[in-house]
Amino acid sequence: MMSRRGTDFAGLSVAIVTPFKDGGKVDVDTLKQQIEFQIAAGTNCLVPCGTTGESPTLTHPEHERVISETIQAVAGRCKVMAGTGSNSTNEAISLSEWAAKEGADATLQVAPYYNKPSQEGFYQHFKAISESVDVPHCIYNIPGRTGKNIEPETIARIAECKNMVMVKEATGSLDQASQVLSLTDLTLLSGDDSLTLPLLSVGGEGVVSVVGNLVPQDMIALVNAFRDGNVAEAQRLHMQLFPLCRDLLGINSNPIPVKAAMRELGRDSGELRLPMVQLTAAELDFLRKTLGTYGLLKEGVAV
């Protein structure tokens, strides 16, 4: 395989939730506990303030605080890729400058959402970020949430910017992933837990994971098994993880199910900010069955 720019970020990155308590206050103590859980598991990189971290509802001071608290708690023991993207280029630059100042190893830059720029607009947006903030950046392409795809040819143009080093690929298209890999030397990370193995098979190097909030060791084992040439073991782990991955992202919008799961396991309050609301009783019952089948819950008690 060719050497790719973001290989340092290969393996498991976890898009961590933002814990809340007391009616929506950021719960820094629980955040630190979750960080210790991930470091103990061997997670390579933590991603605060992504969609899973409810970034759309964080105020700017809260956004900056969560990034800073994460970097300080990690203290160099794993990488931190701070979610600093925005549909405003100036805002993305401002948040990225903060993350760089605080010591983030990279930033995660979601495609501008809602305003649906042209392909030229995408290019100019990422180019401006690259020229303004000299840390590695990861392009996050998730048209299901942003409303528009960054086409492979545009990603190839963006890749000409020296510190654009990765793509978080969440289009659901293996053809698009393959085209990006063929056109660039960017490192590709899966943005969908259930597609991690298929994307590894075409040249991806890891995943930015939601399910990693619950079972980071299993996601690490899957990526490592494929990397080491043990395809059968990677397939076994994929099949084991698949129902959990599907239900955490399929029962309701992320991060509602994963926060509910973490509450069931005693690792988060489960609090959400509007417009995110709790699972219905039927959805929660279904989630509990999924956790039980996986072996994380037994008779309603975390294992």
Protein backbone atom coordinates (compact mmCIF):
# COMPACT_ATOMS: atom_id res chain seq x y z
CA MET A 1 0.00 0.00 0.00
CA MET A 2 1.11 3.55 -0.70
CA SER A 3 2.11 5.73 2.21
CA ARG A 4 -0.69 8.12 3.13
CA ARG A 5 -0.54 11.44 4.92
CA GLY A 6 -2.70 10.72 7.95
CA THR A 7 -1.45 7.26 8.86
CA ASP A 8 -0.71 8.46 12.40
CA PHE A 9 -4.47 8.56 12.86
CA ALA A 10 -5.04 4.99 11.66
CA GLY A 11 -6.92 2.62 13.94
CA LEU A 12 -9.72 3.59 16.30
CA SER A 13 -10.81 7.18 16.83
CA VAL A 14 -13.85 7.58 19.08
CA ALA A 15 -16.34 10.39 18.57
CA ILE A 16 -17.01 10.95 22.25
CA VAL A 17 -20.31 12.19 23.66
CA THR A 18 -20.56 15.41 25.62
CA PRO A 19 -21.93 14.47 29.07
CA PHE A 20 -24.54 16.78 30.57
CA LYS A 21 -26.04 16.97 34.07
CA ASP A 22 -28.37 19.17 36.09
CA GLY A 23 -30.53 20.19 33.19
CA GLY A 24 -27.91 20.57 30.49
CA LYS A 25 -24.68 21.71 32.13
CA VAL A 26 -21.50 20.21 30.67
CA ASP A 27 -20.38 17.45 33.06
CA VAL A 28 -16.59 17.70 33.00
CA ASP A 29 -16.05 15.02 35.67
CA THR A 30 -17.92 12.41 33.63
CA LEU A 31 -16.11 13.55 30.49
CA LYS A 32 -12.79 12.87 32.21
CA GLN A 33 -13.97 9.42 33.32
CA GLN A 34 -14.93 8.58 29.76
CA ILE A 35 -11.55 9.75 28.51
CA GLU A 36 -9.79 7.47 31.02
CA PHE A 37 -11.98 4.57 29.85
CA GLN A 38 -10.89 5.16 26.25
CA ILE A 39 -7.21 5.52 27.06
CA ALA A 40 -7.26 2.32 29.11
CA ALA A 41 -8.81 0.54 26.10
CA GLY A 42 -5.99 1.67 23.81
CA THR A 43 -8.00 4.07 21.65
CA ASN A 44 -5.67 5.93 19.28
CA CYS A 45 -7.58 9.21 19.02
CA LEU A 46 -10.47 11.00 20.70
CA VAL A 47 -12.81 13.27 18.76
CA PRO A 48 -14.64 15.79 20.97
CA CYS A 49 -17.37 18.10 19.66
CA GLY A 50 -18.45 16.07 16.69
CA THR A 51 -22.08 15.25 15.92
CA THR A 52 -21.92 12.57 18.62
CA GLY A 53 -20.79 15.29 21.02
CA GLU A 54 -23.89 17.36 20.18
CA SER A 55 -21.77 20.15 18.76
CA PRO A 56 -24.76 21.89 17.11
CA THR A 57 -26.19 22.71 20.54
CA LEU A 58 -22.98 23.71 22.31
CA THR A 59 -22.37 27.40 22.80
CA HIS A 60 -19.03 28.68 21.54
CA PRO A 61 -17.59 28.88 25.08
CA GLU A 62 -18.80 25.34 25.79
CA HIS A 63 -17.37 24.08 22.50
CA GLU A 64 -14.00 25.56 23.35
CA ARG A 65 -14.15 24.27 26.91
CA VAL A 66 -14.91 20.68 25.91
CA ILE A 67 -11.97 20.73 23.48
CA SER A 68 -9.65 22.20 26.11
CA GLU A 69 -10.78 19.83 28.88
CA THR A 70 -10.29 16.85 26.57
CA ILE A 71 -6.79 17.89 25.56
CA GLN A 72 -5.80 18.55 29.16
CA ALA A 73 -7.23 15.24 30.41
CA VAL A 74 -5.58 13.27 27.61
CA ALA A 75 -2.23 14.89 28.41
CA GLY A 76 -0.54 13.41 25.36
CA ARG A 77 -1.58 9.80 26.04
CA CYS A 78 -3.51 9.56 22.78
CA LYS A 79 -4.32 11.90 19.93
CA VAL A 80 -7.10 14.49 19.94
CA MET A 81 -8.91 15.44 16.73
CA ALA A 82 -11.15 18.34 17.70
CA GLY A 83 -14.43 18.83 15.91
CA THR A 84 -14.23 22.44 14.73
CA GLY A 85 -16.20 22.41 11.49
CA SER A 86 -19.00 24.83 10.66
CA ASN A 87 -21.12 26.03 7.77
CA SER A 88 -19.46 29.40 8.35
CA THR A 89 -15.85 29.39 7.14
CA ASN A 90 -14.88 32.15 9.58
CA GLU A 91 -16.39 30.22 12.48
CA ALA A 92 -14.59 27.03 11.47
CA ILE A 93 -11.30 28.95 11.33
CA SER A 94 -11.93 30.54 14.73
CA LEU A 95 -12.71 27.22 16.42
CA SER A 96 -9.75 25.58 14.68
CA GLU A 97 -7.41 28.32 15.86
CA TRP A 98 -8.61 27.69 19.41
CA ALA A 99 -8.06 23.93 19.10
CA ALA A 100 -4.58 24.44 17.65
CA LYS A 101 -3.67 26.88 20.42
CA GLU A 102 -4.81 24.38 23.04
CA GLY A 103 -2.70 21.61 21.52
CA ALA A 104 -5.07 19.52 19.40
CA ASP A 105 -3.31 17.03 17.12
CA ALA A 106 -5.82 17.61 14.30
CA THR A 107 -9.25 19.01 13.54
CA LEU A 108 -12.34 17.38 12.07
CA GLN A 109 -13.93 19.61 9.42
CA VAL A 110 -17.47 18.68 8.49
CA ALA A 111 -18.70 19.80 5.08
CA PRO A 112 -20.62 23.07 5.38
CA TYR A 113 -24.20 22.09 6.12
CA TYR A 114 -27.57 23.64 5.26
CA ASN A 115 -26.18 26.35 2.97
CA LYS A 116 -25.13 23.64 0.43
CA PRO A 117 -22.19 25.33 -1.31
CA SER A 118 -21.08 24.52 -4.83
CA GLN A 119 -18.06 22.26 -5.35
CA GLU A 120 -15.98 25.41 -5.79
CA GLY A 121 -17.41 26.68 -2.50
CA PHE A 122 -16.36 23.46 -0.76
CA TYR A 123 -12.85 23.84 -2.14
CA GLN A 124 -12.50 27.48 -1.12
CA HIS A 125 -13.87 26.68 2.38
CA PHE A 126 -11.33 23.95 3.10
CA LYS A 127 -8.53 25.88 1.41
CA ALA A 128 -9.16 28.85 3.69
CA ILE A 129 -9.07 26.64 6.78
CA SER A 130 -5.85 24.99 5.62
CA GLU A 131 -4.16 28.31 4.96
CA SER A 132 -5.29 29.77 8.30
CA VAL A 133 -4.59 26.95 10.76
CA ASP A 134 -1.41 24.91 10.48
CA VAL A 135 -2.43 21.58 12.00
CA PRO A 136 -3.58 18.39 10.24
CA HIS A 137 -7.22 18.49 9.16
CA CYS A 138 -9.72 15.74 8.37
CA ILE A 139 -12.41 16.38 5.75
CA TYR A 140 -15.73 14.98 7.00
CA ASN A 141 -18.06 14.07 4.14
CA ILE A 142 -21.55 13.10 5.36
CA PRO A 143 -24.12 14.22 2.77
CA GLY A 144 -26.95 12.53 4.69
CA ARG A 145 -26.60 15.23 7.34
CA THR A 146 -25.14 18.15 5.38
CA GLY A 147 -27.39 17.91 2.32
CA LYS A 148 -24.65 17.78 -0.31
CA ASN A 149 -21.78 15.49 -1.31
CA ILE A 150 -18.18 16.64 -1.64
CA GLU A 151 -17.38 14.97 -4.94
CA PRO A 152 -14.17 12.91 -5.25
CA GLU A 153 -12.69 15.33 -7.76
CA THR A 154 -13.22 18.18 -5.27
CA ILE A 155 -11.61 16.17 -2.49
CA ALA A 156 -8.65 15.66 -4.82
CA ARG A 157 -8.36 19.45 -5.20
CA ILE A 158 -8.65 19.94 -1.44
CA ALA A 159 -5.92 17.32 -0.98
CA GLU A 160 -3.49 19.70 -2.67
CA CYS A 161 -3.62 21.76 0.54
CA LYS A 162 -0.60 20.62 2.56
CA ASN A 163 -2.30 19.93 5.88
CA MET A 164 -5.47 18.26 4.63
CA VAL A 165 -4.43 14.71 5.51
CA MET A 166 -7.57 12.62 6.07
CA VAL A 167 -11.13 11.98 4.97
CA LYS A 168 -13.85 10.75 7.29
CA GLU A 169 -15.92 8.90 4.73
CA ALA A 170 -19.63 8.69 5.52
CA THR A 171 -21.28 8.71 2.10
CA GLY A 172 -22.03 4.98 2.29
CA SER A 173 -20.49 4.52 -1.16
CA LEU A 174 -17.56 2.15 -1.63
CA ASP A 175 -17.21 3.55 -5.15
CA GLN A 176 -16.71 7.07 -3.78
CA ALA A 177 -14.25 5.78 -1.17
CA SER A 178 -12.29 3.92 -3.83
CA GLN A 179 -12.21 6.96 -6.08
CA VAL A 180 -10.94 9.19 -3.26
CA LEU A 181 -8.21 6.67 -2.48
CA SER A 182 -7.23 6.39 -6.13
CA LEU A 183 -7.08 10.16 -6.65
CA THR A 184 -5.28 11.20 -3.44
CA ASP A 185 -2.78 10.16 -0.79
CA LEU A 186 -5.20 11.04 1.99
CA THR A 187 -5.84 8.57 4.79
CA LEU A 188 -9.43 7.34 4.70
CA LEU A 189 -11.32 6.67 7.94
CA SER A 190 -14.76 5.12 8.04
CA GLY A 191 -17.52 7.40 9.29
CA ASP A 192 -19.96 4.50 9.64
CA ASP A 193 -19.19 1.79 12.20
CA SER A 194 -20.97 -0.92 10.24
CA LEU A 195 -18.95 -0.13 7.08
CA THR A 196 -15.55 -0.22 8.77
CA LEU A 197 -14.53 -3.62 7.41
CA PRO A 198 -15.72 -2.95 3.84
CA LEU A 199 -13.80 0.35 3.83
CA LEU A 200 -10.69 -1.32 5.25
CA SER A 201 -10.91 -3.79 2.39
CA VAL A 202 -10.53 -1.04 -0.23
CA GLY A 203 -7.73 0.79 1.55
CA GLY A 204 -9.21 2.58 4.56
CA GLU A 205 -7.06 2.68 7.67
CA GLY A 206 -9.49 3.03 10.54
CA VAL A 207 -12.76 4.43 11.82
CA VAL A 208 -14.15 7.43 13.64
CA SER A 209 -16.54 5.43 15.76
CA VAL A 210 -19.74 5.90 17.73
CA VAL A 211 -19.97 2.32 19.02
CA GLY A 212 -16.42 2.80 20.32
CA ASN A 213 -18.02 4.72 23.19
CA LEU A 214 -19.26 1.33 24.40
CA VAL A 215 -16.85 -1.35 23.15
CA PRO A 216 -13.59 0.27 22.02
CA GLN A 217 -11.60 -2.95 22.50
CA ASP A 218 -13.78 -4.80 19.97
CA MET A 219 -13.41 -2.08 17.35
CA ILE A 220 -9.65 -2.03 17.91
CA ALA A 221 -9.56 -5.80 17.56
CA LEU A 222 -11.43 -5.64 14.23
CA VAL A 223 -9.10 -3.04 12.74
CA ASN A 224 -5.99 -4.83 14.03
CA ALA A 225 -7.16 -8.22 12.77
CA PHE A 226 -7.60 -6.89 9.25
CA ARG A 227 -4.29 -5.00 9.40
CA ASP A 228 -2.52 -8.20 10.48
CA GLY A 229 -4.03 -10.21 7.62
CA ASN A 230 -6.47 -12.21 9.75
CA VAL A 231 -9.47 -11.60 7.56
CA ALA A 232 -11.55 -14.40 9.07
CA GLU A 233 -11.23 -12.87 12.54
CA ALA A 234 -12.03 -9.42 11.17
CA GLN A 235 -15.16 -10.86 9.54
CA ARG A 236 -16.17 -12.56 12.79
CA LEU A 237 -15.83 -9.32 14.71
CA HIS A 238 -17.71 -7.43 12.00
CA MET A 239 -20.65 -9.83 12.32
CA GLN A 240 -20.53 -9.63 16.11
CA LEU A 241 -20.51 -5.84 16.08
CA PHE A 242 -22.97 -5.32 13.24
CA PRO A 243 -26.27 -5.50 15.20
CA LEU A 244 -24.91 -3.12 17.83
CA CYS A 245 -23.60 -0.68 15.21
CA ARG A 246 -26.86 -0.84 13.25
CA ASP A 247 -29.07 -0.23 16.27
CA LEU A 248 -26.98 2.60 17.75
CA LEU A 249 -27.35 4.52 14.50
CA GLY A 250 -30.70 3.13 13.36
CA ILE A 251 -33.11 3.28 16.29
CA ASN A 252 -33.03 7.07 16.34
CA SER A 253 -30.71 9.94 15.42
CA ASN A 254 -27.15 9.88 16.75
CA PRO A 255 -26.30 10.44 19.62
CA ILE A 256 -29.68 9.60 21.19
CA PRO A 257 -29.22 5.79 21.22
CA VAL A 258 -25.56 5.77 22.27
CA LYS A 259 -26.27 8.14 25.16
CA ALA A 260 -29.16 5.93 26.25
CA ALA A 261 -26.88 2.90 26.04
CA MET A 262 -24.21 4.61 28.12
CA ARG A 263 -26.83 5.48 30.74
CA GLU A 264 -27.88 1.82 30.87
CA LEU A 265 -24.23 0.87 31.39
CA GLY A 266 -23.74 3.47 34.14
CA ARG A 267 -21.33 5.60 32.13
CA ASP A 268 -23.38 8.70 31.30
CA SER A 269 -26.44 10.56 32.56
CA GLY A 270 -28.11 10.15 29.18
CA GLU A 271 -29.10 13.81 29.18
CA LEU A 272 -29.64 15.39 25.78
CA ARG A 273 -30.20 18.92 24.56
CA LEU A 274 -33.20 19.91 22.50
CA PRO A 275 -34.02 19.26 19.76
CA MET A 276 -32.65 15.82 20.70
CA VAL A 277 -35.14 13.93 22.89
CA GLN A 278 -35.06 10.62 24.75
CA LEU A 279 -35.90 7.28 23.16
CA THR A 280 -39.50 6.14 23.42
CA ALA A 281 -40.25 3.26 25.80
CA ALA A 282 -40.43 0.85 22.85
CA GLU A 283 -37.12 2.09 21.41
CA LEU A 284 -35.42 1.81 24.80
CA ASP A 285 -36.72 -1.73 25.26
CA PHE A 286 -35.34 -2.64 21.84
CA LEU A 287 -31.97 -1.08 22.71
CA ARG A 288 -31.80 -2.99 25.99
CA LYS A 289 -32.37 -6.24 24.10
CA THR A 290 -29.55 -5.33 21.71
CA LEU A 291 -27.21 -4.60 24.61
CA GLY A 292 -28.25 -7.85 26.27
CA THR A 293 -27.66 -9.89 23.14
CA TYR A 294 -24.19 -8.38 22.82
CA GLY A 295 -23.44 -9.30 26.43
CA LEU A 296 -23.25 -5.78 27.82
CA LEU A 297 -26.42 -6.09 29.92
CA LYS A 298 -27.74 -9.05 31.89
CA GLU A 299 -31.19 -8.75 33.45
CA GLY A 300 -30.92 -4.99 33.17
CA VAL A 301 -27.54 -4.80 34.88
CA ALA A 302 -24.31 -3.78 33.14
CA VAL A 303 -21.90 -6.69 32.74
